[in-house]
C-alpha atoms as a PDB file:
ATOM      1  CA  MET A   1     -16.831  32.422   1.798  1.00  0.00           C
ATOM      2  CA  GLY A   2     -13.701  30.199   2.273  1.00  0.00           C
ATOM      3  CA  THR A   3     -15.713  27.020   0.659  1.00  0.00           C
ATOM      4  CA  LEU A   4     -12.517  25.775  -0.957  1.00  0.00           C
ATOM      5  CA  SER A   5     -10.759  25.567   2.315  1.00  0.00           C
ATOM      6  CA  VAL A   6     -13.569  23.988   4.185  1.00  0.00           C
ATOM      7  CA  GLN A   7     -14.538  21.690   1.771  1.00  0.00           C
ATOM      8  CA  GLY A   8     -10.794  20.773   1.259  1.00  0.00           C
ATOM      9  CA  LYS A   9     -10.271  20.226   4.984  1.00  0.00           C
ATOM     10  CA  LEU A  10     -13.532  17.953   5.033  1.00  0.00           C
ATOM     11  CA  LEU A  11     -12.192  15.939   2.054  1.00  0.00           C
ATOM     12  CA  LEU A  12      -8.858  15.355   3.804  1.00  0.00           C
ATOM     13  CA  GLU A  13     -10.463  14.368   6.859  1.00  0.00           C
ATOM     14  CA  HIS A  14     -12.326  11.653   4.865  1.00  0.00           C
ATOM     15  CA  VAL A  15      -9.488  10.490   2.904  1.00  0.00           C
ATOM     16  CA  MET A  16      -7.503  10.059   6.039  1.00  0.00           C
ATOM     17  CA  ARG A  17      -9.986   8.277   7.778  1.00  0.00           C
ATOM     18  CA  LEU A  18     -10.198   5.896   4.854  1.00  0.00           C
ATOM     19  CA  THR A  19      -6.526   5.289   4.848  1.00  0.00           C
ATOM     20  CA  PRO A  20      -5.615   2.055   6.604  1.00  0.00           C
ATOM     21  CA  PRO A  21      -5.401   1.264   9.216  1.00  0.00           C
ATOM     22  CA  ARG A  22      -8.981   2.063  10.830  1.00  0.00           C
ATOM     23  CA  ASN A  23      -7.368   2.545  14.260  1.00  0.00           C
ATOM     24  CA  LEU A  24      -4.020   2.077  16.219  1.00  0.00           C
ATOM     25  CA  ALA A  25      -5.230  -1.314  17.530  1.00  0.00           C
ATOM     26  CA  GLN A  26      -6.049  -2.646  14.024  1.00  0.00           C
ATOM     27  CA  GLY A  27      -2.486  -1.347  12.713  1.00  0.00           C
ATOM     28  CA  LYS A  28      -0.568  -3.140  15.566  1.00  0.00           C
ATOM     29  CA  ARG A  29      -2.382  -6.043  15.046  1.00  0.00           C
ATOM     30  CA  ARG A  30      -1.787  -6.266  11.160  1.00  0.00           C
ATOM     31  CA  VAL A  31       1.982  -5.630  11.891  1.00  0.00           C
ATOM     32  CA  ARG A  32       2.140  -8.691  14.299  1.00  0.00           C
ATOM     33  CA  LEU A  33       0.256 -11.077  11.980  1.00  0.00           C
ATOM     34  CA  ASP A  34       2.528  -9.925   9.245  1.00  0.00           C
ATOM     35  CA  TYR A  35       5.670 -10.757  11.174  1.00  0.00           C
ATOM     36  CA  GLU A  36       4.194 -14.167  12.380  1.00  0.00           C
ATOM     37  CA  LYS A  37       3.034 -15.304   9.014  1.00  0.00           C
ATOM     38  CA  ILE A  38       6.550 -15.217   7.919  1.00  0.00           C
ATOM     39  CA  PHE A  39       8.530 -16.138  10.961  1.00  0.00           C
ATOM     40  CA  ARG A  40       5.885 -18.651  12.500  1.00  0.00           C
ATOM     41  CA  PRO A  41       6.751 -18.555  16.182  1.00  0.00           C
ATOM     42  CA  LEU A  42       6.004 -21.989  17.707  1.00  0.00           C
ATOM     43  CA  ASP A  43       4.421 -22.300  21.096  1.00  0.00           C
ATOM     44  CA  TYR A  44       5.944 -25.198  22.838  1.00  0.00           C
ATOM     45  CA  THR A  45       2.922 -25.706  25.238  1.00  0.00           C
ATOM     46  CA  ARG A  46       0.915 -26.944  22.168  1.00  0.00           C
ATOM     47  CA  PHE A  47       2.866 -30.034  22.078  1.00  0.00           C
ATOM     48  CA  LYS A  48       2.164 -33.004  24.236  1.00  0.00           C
ATOM     49  CA  ASN A  49       5.429 -34.629  23.198  1.00  0.00           C
ATOM     50  CA  PRO A  50       8.063 -33.555  25.648  1.00  0.00           C
ATOM     51  CA  LYS A  51      10.848 -34.049  23.087  1.00  0.00           C
ATOM     52  CA  VAL A  52       9.260 -31.781  20.501  1.00  0.00           C
ATOM     53  CA  ALA A  53       8.439 -29.236  23.154  1.00  0.00           C
ATOM     54  CA  SER A  54      11.891 -29.348  24.371  1.00  0.00           C
ATOM     55  CA  LEU A  55      13.285 -28.682  20.805  1.00  0.00           C
ATOM     56  CA  ILE A  56      11.177 -25.571  20.609  1.00  0.00           C
ATOM     57  CA  SER A  57      12.041 -24.432  24.186  1.00  0.00           C
ATOM     58  CA  ASN A  58      15.758 -24.754  23.784  1.00  0.00           C
ATOM     59  CA  GLY A  59      15.966 -23.177  20.386  1.00  0.00           C
ATOM     60  CA  ASP A  60      18.841 -25.189  19.017  1.00  0.00           C
ATOM     61  CA  PRO A  61      18.456 -24.809  15.066  1.00  0.00           C
ATOM     62  CA  VAL A  62      20.822 -27.879  14.178  1.00  0.00           C
ATOM     63  CA  ALA A  63      18.662 -30.143  16.418  1.00  0.00           C
ATOM     64  CA  TRP A  64      15.377 -28.676  14.776  1.00  0.00           C
ATOM     65  CA  HIS A  65      16.695 -29.165  11.241  1.00  0.00           C
ATOM     66  CA  ASN A  66      17.429 -32.826  12.143  1.00  0.00           C
ATOM     67  CA  PHE A  67      13.934 -33.105  13.556  1.00  0.00           C
ATOM     68  CA  SER A  68      12.041 -31.364  10.914  1.00  0.00           C
ATOM     69  CA  SER A  69      13.899 -33.096   8.078  1.00  0.00           C
ATOM     70  CA  LYS A  70      12.967 -36.546   9.426  1.00  0.00           C
ATOM     71  CA  ILE A  71       9.174 -35.715   9.645  1.00  0.00           C
ATOM     72  CA  GLY A  72       7.487 -37.884   7.082  1.00  0.00           C
ATOM     73  CA  THR A  73       9.213 -41.074   7.948  1.00  0.00           C
ATOM     74  CA  ARG A  74       7.059 -43.660   9.273  1.00  0.00           C
ATOM     75  CA  THR A  75       8.332 -43.980  12.796  1.00  0.00           C
ATOM     76  CA  ILE A  76       8.474 -40.164  13.631  1.00  0.00           C
ATOM     77  CA  THR A  77       5.166 -39.412  11.959  1.00  0.00           C
ATOM     78  CA  GLU A  78       3.298 -42.092  13.826  1.00  0.00           C
ATOM     79  CA  ARG A  79       4.997 -40.932  17.093  1.00  0.00           C
ATOM     80  CA  ILE A  80       4.076 -37.201  16.536  1.00  0.00           C
ATOM     81  CA  ARG A  81       0.480 -37.695  15.271  1.00  0.00           C
ATOM     82  CA  SER A  82      -0.439 -39.940  18.251  1.00  0.00           C
ATOM     83  CA  SER A  83       0.790 -37.518  20.964  1.00  0.00           C
ATOM     84  CA  ASP A  84       0.811 -33.962  19.621  1.00  0.00           C
ATOM     85  CA  LEU A  85      -2.236 -31.311  19.164  1.00  0.00           C
ATOM     86  CA  PHE A  86      -0.281 -29.891  16.259  1.00  0.00           C
ATOM     87  CA  GLN A  87      -0.300 -31.531  12.694  1.00  0.00           C
ATOM     88  CA  ALA A  88       3.776 -31.650  12.452  1.00  0.00           C
ATOM     89  CA  THR A  89       3.567 -33.651   9.419  1.00  0.00           C
ATOM     90  CA  ASP A  90       1.719 -30.937   7.356  1.00  0.00           C
ATOM     91  CA  ASP A  91       3.119 -27.807   8.848  1.00  0.00           C
ATOM     92  CA  LEU A  92       6.728 -28.477  10.304  1.00  0.00           C
ATOM     93  CA  LYS A  93       7.982 -30.959   7.732  1.00  0.00           C
ATOM     94  CA  GLY A  94      11.422 -29.412   6.205  1.00  0.00           C
ATOM     95  CA  THR A  95      11.112 -26.020   8.195  1.00  0.00           C
ATOM     96  CA  ILE A  96      14.302 -24.258   9.305  1.00  0.00           C
ATOM     97  CA  ALA A  97      14.697 -22.331  12.591  1.00  0.00           C
ATOM     98  CA  ILE A  98      15.938 -18.912  11.995  1.00  0.00           C
ATOM     99  CA  VAL A  99      16.653 -15.713  13.943  1.00  0.00           C
ATOM    100  CA  PRO A 100      14.023 -13.087  12.708  1.00  0.00           C
ATOM    101  CA  SER A 101      15.455  -9.998  10.900  1.00  0.00           C
ATOM    102  CA  LYS A 102      14.342  -6.932   8.971  1.00  0.00           C
ATOM    103  CA  ALA A 103      16.076  -8.280   5.899  1.00  0.00           C
ATOM    104  CA  ILE A 104      14.440 -11.526   5.845  1.00  0.00           C
ATOM    105  CA  HIS A 105      10.995  -9.816   6.655  1.00  0.00           C
ATOM    106  CA  ASN A 106      11.502  -7.438   3.878  1.00  0.00           C
ATOM    107  CA  ALA A 107      12.385 -10.305   1.362  1.00  0.00           C
ATOM    108  CA  ASN A 108       9.155 -12.121   2.092  1.00  0.00           C
ATOM    109  CA  ARG A 109       6.817  -9.154   1.299  1.00  0.00           C
ATOM    110  CA  GLY A 110       5.081  -8.237  -1.677  1.00  0.00           C
ATOM    111  CA  LYS A 111       4.515  -4.802  -3.243  1.00  0.00           C
ATOM    112  CA  ARG A 112       1.683  -4.044  -1.013  1.00  0.00           C
ATOM    113  CA  GLY A 113       3.947  -4.666   1.909  1.00  0.00           C
ATOM    114  CA  ARG A 114       2.165  -7.584   3.144  1.00  0.00           C
ATOM    115  CA  ALA A 115       3.682 -11.032   3.685  1.00  0.00           C
ATOM    116  CA  PHE A 116       3.754 -13.704   1.131  1.00  0.00           C
ATOM    117  CA  ASP A 117       1.167 -16.525   1.738  1.00  0.00           C
ATOM    118  CA  ARG A 118       3.979 -19.163   1.425  1.00  0.00           C
ATOM    119  CA  PRO A 119       7.454 -17.426   2.736  1.00  0.00           C
ATOM    120  CA  ASN A 120      10.391 -19.151   0.924  1.00  0.00           C
ATOM    121  CA  PRO A 121      11.970 -21.043   2.755  1.00  0.00           C
ATOM    122  CA  LYS A 122       9.485 -22.400   5.174  1.00  0.00           C
ATOM    123  CA  MET A 123      10.700 -20.769   8.499  1.00  0.00           C
ATOM    124  CA  VAL A 124       9.813 -21.204  12.139  1.00  0.00           C
ATOM    125  CA  THR A 125      10.900 -19.159  15.260  1.00  0.00           C
ATOM    126  CA  LEU A 126      11.881 -21.105  18.222  1.00  0.00           C
ATOM    127  CA  LYS A 127      11.232 -19.867  21.864  1.00  0.00           C
ATOM    128  CA  PRO A 128      14.616 -18.171  22.604  1.00  0.00           C
ATOM    129  CA  GLN A 129      14.652 -16.329  19.162  1.00  0.00           C
ATOM    130  CA  GLN A 130      11.022 -15.227  19.896  1.00  0.00           C
ATOM    131  CA  ARG A 131      12.658 -12.274  21.949  1.00  0.00           C
ATOM    132  CA  THR A 132      14.084 -10.866  18.761  1.00  0.00           C
ATOM    133  CA  LEU A 133      10.828 -11.487  16.981  1.00  0.00           C
ATOM    134  CA  LYS A 134       8.996  -9.444  19.708  1.00  0.00           C
ATOM    135  CA  LYS A 135      11.419  -6.643  19.501  1.00  0.00           C
ATOM    136  CA  LEU A 136      11.100  -6.240  15.646  1.00  0.00           C
ATOM    137  CA  ILE A 137       7.419  -6.344  15.994  1.00  0.00           C
ATOM    138  CA  MET A 138       7.508  -3.459  18.544  1.00  0.00           C
ATOM    139  CA  GLU A 139       9.725  -1.501  16.413  1.00  0.00           C
ATOM    140  CA  SER A 140       7.487  -1.853  13.390  1.00  0.00           C
ATOM    141  CA  GLN A 141       4.400  -0.974  15.160  1.00  0.00           C
ATOM    142  CA  GLN A 142       5.843   2.587  15.723  1.00  0.00           C
ATOM    143  CA  ASN A 143       5.279   3.204  12.008  1.00  0.00           C
ATOM    144  CA  VAL A 144       1.579   2.390  12.325  1.00  0.00           C
ATOM    145  CA  GLY A 145      -0.128   5.746  10.936  1.00  0.00           C
ATOM    146  CA  PHE A 146       2.521   6.675   8.515  1.00  0.00           C
ATOM    147  CA  ALA A 147       0.470   6.316   5.701  1.00  0.00           C
ATOM    148  CA  LYS A 148      -2.320   8.372   6.889  1.00  0.00           C
ATOM    149  CA  ALA A 149       0.292  10.842   7.997  1.00  0.00           C
ATOM    150  CA  GLY A 150       0.954  11.577   4.146  1.00  0.00           C
ATOM    151  CA  TRP A 151      -2.188  13.726   4.431  1.00  0.00           C
ATOM    152  CA  VAL A 152      -1.347  15.774   7.614  1.00  0.00           C
ATOM    153  CA  ARG A 153       0.691  18.221   5.905  1.00  0.00           C
ATOM    154  CA  ALA A 154      -2.152  19.534   3.717  1.00  0.00           C
ATOM    155  CA  TYR A 155      -4.715  19.079   6.406  1.00  0.00           C
ATOM    156  CA  THR A 156      -2.906  21.150   8.712  1.00  0.00           C
ATOM    157  CA  GLU A 157      -2.284  23.939   6.323  1.00  0.00           C
ATOM    158  CA  LEU A 158      -6.267  24.013   6.022  1.00  0.00           C
ATOM    159  CA  ARG A 159      -6.354  24.245   9.811  1.00  0.00           C
ATOM    160  CA  GLY A 160      -7.498  20.933  10.426  1.00  0.00           C
ATOM    161  CA  ASP A 161      -7.107  19.843  14.020  1.00  0.00           C
ATOM    162  CA  ARG A 162      -8.601  16.375  14.328  1.00  0.00           C
ATOM    163  CA  THR A 163      -5.677  14.316  13.466  1.00  0.00           C
ATOM    164  CA  PRO A 164      -5.185  11.314  15.795  1.00  0.00           C
ATOM    165  CA  GLU A 165      -2.149  11.397  18.173  1.00  0.00           C
ATOM    166  CA  TRP A 166      -0.786   8.026  16.605  1.00  0.00           C
ATOM    167  CA  VAL A 167      -0.774   9.843  13.223  1.00  0.00           C
ATOM    168  CA  GLN A 168       0.188  13.181  14.119  1.00  0.00           C
ATOM    169  CA  ARG A 169       3.586  12.039  15.646  1.00  0.00           C
ATOM    170  CA  HIS A 170       4.709  11.124  12.141  1.00  0.00           C
ATOM    171  CA  PHE A 171       4.236  14.880  11.066  1.00  0.00           C
ATOM    172  CA  PRO A 172       5.195  16.217   8.718  1.00  0.00           C
ATOM    173  CA  GLY A 173       5.552  12.897   7.144  1.00  0.00           C
ATOM    174  CA  LYS A 174       5.733  12.263   3.264  1.00  0.00           C
ATOM    175  CA  GLY A 175       2.953  14.718   2.200  1.00  0.00           C
ATOM    176  CA  VAL A 176       3.202  17.568  -0.281  1.00  0.00           C
ATOM    177  CA  TRP A 177       0.949  20.609  -0.221  1.00  0.00           C
ATOM    178  CA  GLU A 178       0.154  23.090  -3.021  1.00  0.00           C
ATOM    179  CA  ASP A 179      -1.777  26.187  -2.205  1.00  0.00           C
ATOM    180  CA  GLY A 180      -3.458  27.830  -5.211  1.00  0.00           C
ATOM    181  CA  ARG A 181      -6.320  29.450  -3.383  1.00  0.00           C
ATOM    182  CA  LYS A 182      -5.216  32.913  -4.519  1.00  0.00           C
ATOM    183  CA  ALA A 183      -4.730  31.841  -8.169  1.00  0.00           C
ATOM    184  CA  GLU A 184      -7.080  33.051 -11.041  1.00  0.00           C
ATOM    185  CA  ASN A 185      -8.751  29.697 -10.968  1.00  0.00           C
ATOM    186  CA  PRO A 186      -8.348  28.677  -7.233  1.00  0.00           C
ATOM    187  CA  TYR A 187      -7.185  25.291  -6.275  1.00  0.00           C
ATOM    188  CA  ILE A 188      -5.653  23.275  -3.444  1.00  0.00           C
ATOM    189  CA  ALA A 189      -3.479  19.921  -4.138  1.00  0.00           C
ATOM    190  CA  ALA A 190      -2.490  17.334  -1.522  1.00  0.00           C
ATOM    191  CA  TYR A 191      -0.097  14.440  -2.401  1.00  0.00           C
ATOM    192  CA  ASN A 192       0.505  11.294  -0.323  1.00  0.00           C
ATOM    193  CA  GLN A 193       4.024  10.526  -1.053  1.00  0.00           C
ATOM    194  CA  THR A 194       4.388   7.524   1.428  1.00  0.00           C
ATOM    195  CA  SER A 195       5.036   3.988  -0.243  1.00  0.00           C
ATOM    196  CA  TRP A 196       1.271   3.594   0.392  1.00  0.00           C
ATOM    197  CA  GLY A 197       0.396   6.502  -1.454  1.00  0.00           C
ATOM    198  CA  LYS A 198       2.418   5.886  -4.378  1.00  0.00           C
ATOM    199  CA  ARG A 199       0.392   2.570  -4.947  1.00  0.00           C
ATOM    200  CA  SER A 200      -2.099   4.226  -7.349  1.00  0.00           C
ATOM    201  CA  ASP A 201      -4.449   1.337  -7.152  1.00  0.00           C
ATOM    202  CA  GLU A 202      -5.539   1.395  -3.389  1.00  0.00           C
ATOM    203  CA  ALA A 203      -4.777   5.105  -2.922  1.00  0.00           C
ATOM    204  CA  GLU A 204      -6.666   6.401  -5.982  1.00  0.00           C
ATOM    205  CA  ARG A 205      -9.728   4.407  -4.974  1.00  0.00           C
ATOM    206  CA  ILE A 206     -10.007   5.763  -1.665  1.00  0.00           C
ATOM    207  CA  MET A 207      -9.352   9.319  -2.995  1.00  0.00           C
ATOM    208  CA  ASN A 208     -12.315   8.810  -5.650  1.00  0.00           C
ATOM    209  CA  ASN A 209     -14.655   7.388  -2.831  1.00  0.00           C
ATOM    210  CA  ALA A 210     -13.885  10.359  -0.760  1.00  0.00           C
ATOM    211  CA  LEU A 211     -14.457  12.943  -3.500  1.00  0.00           C
ATOM    212  CA  ARG A 212     -17.805  11.280  -4.399  1.00  0.00           C
ATOM    213  CA  ALA A 213     -18.747  11.495  -0.625  1.00  0.00           C
ATOM    214  CA  ARG A 214     -17.785  15.014  -0.310  1.00  0.00           C
ATOM    215  CA  THR A 215     -19.513  16.010  -3.683  1.00  0.00           C
ATOM    216  CA  ASN A 216     -22.693  14.276  -2.522  1.00  0.00           C
ATOM    217  CA  ALA A 217     -22.554  16.038   0.858  1.00  0.00           C
ATOM    218  CA  MET A 218     -22.070  19.487  -0.823  1.00  0.00           C
ATOM    219  CA  ARG A 219     -24.754  18.915  -3.203  1.00  0.00           C
ATOM    220  CA  SER A 220     -27.182  17.878  -0.396  1.00  0.00           C
ATOM    221  CA  TYR A 221     -26.183  20.916   1.752  1.00  0.00           C
ATOM    222  CA  PHE A 222     -26.548  23.402  -1.237  1.00  0.00           C
ATOM    223  CA  ASP A 223     -30.043  21.877  -2.000  1.00  0.00           C
ATOM    224  CA  SER A 224     -30.920  22.539   1.621  1.00  0.00           C
ATOM    225  CA  ILE A 225     -29.982  25.904   1.549  1.00  0.00           C
ATOM    226  CA  GLY A 226     -31.767  26.355  -1.936  1.00  0.00           C
ATOM    227  CA  LYS A 227     -35.063  25.204  -0.397  1.00  0.00           C
ATOM    228  CA  MET A 228     -34.615  27.378   2.804  1.00  0.00           C
ATOM    229  CA  ILE A 229     -34.183  30.542   0.554  1.00  0.00           C
ATOM    230  CA  SER A 230     -37.259  29.590  -1.474  1.00  0.00           C
ATOM    231  CA  GLU A 231     -39.465  29.180   1.665  1.00  0.00           C
ATOM    232  CA  GLY A 232     -38.206  32.489   2.913  1.00  0.00           C
ATOM    233  CA  LYS A 233     -36.241  31.087   5.907  1.00  0.00           C
ATOM    234  CA  LEU A 234     -32.902  32.342   7.242  1.00  0.00           C
ATOM    235  CA  THR A 235     -29.866  30.157   6.145  1.00  0.00           C
ATOM    236  CA  PRO A 236     -27.456  29.099   8.981  1.00  0.00           C
ATOM    237  CA  PHE A 237     -25.050  31.749   7.711  1.00  0.00           C
ATOM    238  CA  GLN A 238     -27.738  34.421   7.902  1.00  0.00           C
ATOM    239  CA  LEU A 239     -28.748  33.404  11.343  1.00  0.00           C
ATOM    240  CA  GLN A 240     -25.018  33.481  12.410  1.00  0.00           C
ATOM    241  CA  GLN A 241     -24.732  36.984  11.174  1.00  0.00           C
ATOM    242  CA  GLN A 242     -27.958  38.173  12.744  1.00  0.00           C
ATOM    243  CA  THR A 243     -26.843  36.752  16.052  1.00  0.00           C
ATOM    244  CA  ILE A 244     -23.464  38.624  15.855  1.00  0.00           C
ATOM    245  CA  ALA A 245     -25.247  42.006  14.736  1.00  0.00           C
ATOM    246  CA  GLU A 246     -27.603  41.600  17.852  1.00  0.00           C
ATOM    247  CA  GLN A 247     -24.709  41.654  20.062  1.00  0.00           C
ATOM    248  CA  PHE A 248     -23.606  45.222  18.914  1.00  0.00           C
ATOM    249  CA  GLN A 249     -27.107  46.788  19.171  1.00  0.00           C
END
């Protein structure tokens, strides 16, 4: 009756739903926060001191270094603390102003692809260089959904048609499909070969959760069908066949 195909499709729908991000908006937000955690774009409007605001607005990395290296001296610390909303003595001391790049971004991410809590060195992005940062963020946001797309190949082979557009755009993605439905012992296999899928900890946890959920749903369904049969009621499939038969009478 095609149970393997139907249940496989439902399983992959569940796995895809659990694979991060939850939605496109969340994925884009995570990308932006990841970049901003590393490059720390400074908003000059948060500073009351016009000299500090001007340093950020002008974007001169040498001038910024001269400023940040002196934070902590009594004179400049008292001046900043008395006039700025931002705690420069804690957050800006020793920072360097850089031009954001993919190479720097990749060098400051861990195995999970997330930004380190404390990027090394301490970096900030001044206003003129924030245009480059914005461009990098937008480019990376185009990859949102790539991890989910690792399941799309198998899901499509099972005639799944509920893949969100922002995931489907990555088709065929890095997914591997094995069709063993005609084997002596029928089976299907789906492999997510994205960098996310190869991190066995999270991917395996999500797959196991989906398998448990689908197993419980199947058990509940078959229990319901068994009860209907024992009570002499027609099952949904029998009702469907009856309706089709009546059309030809």
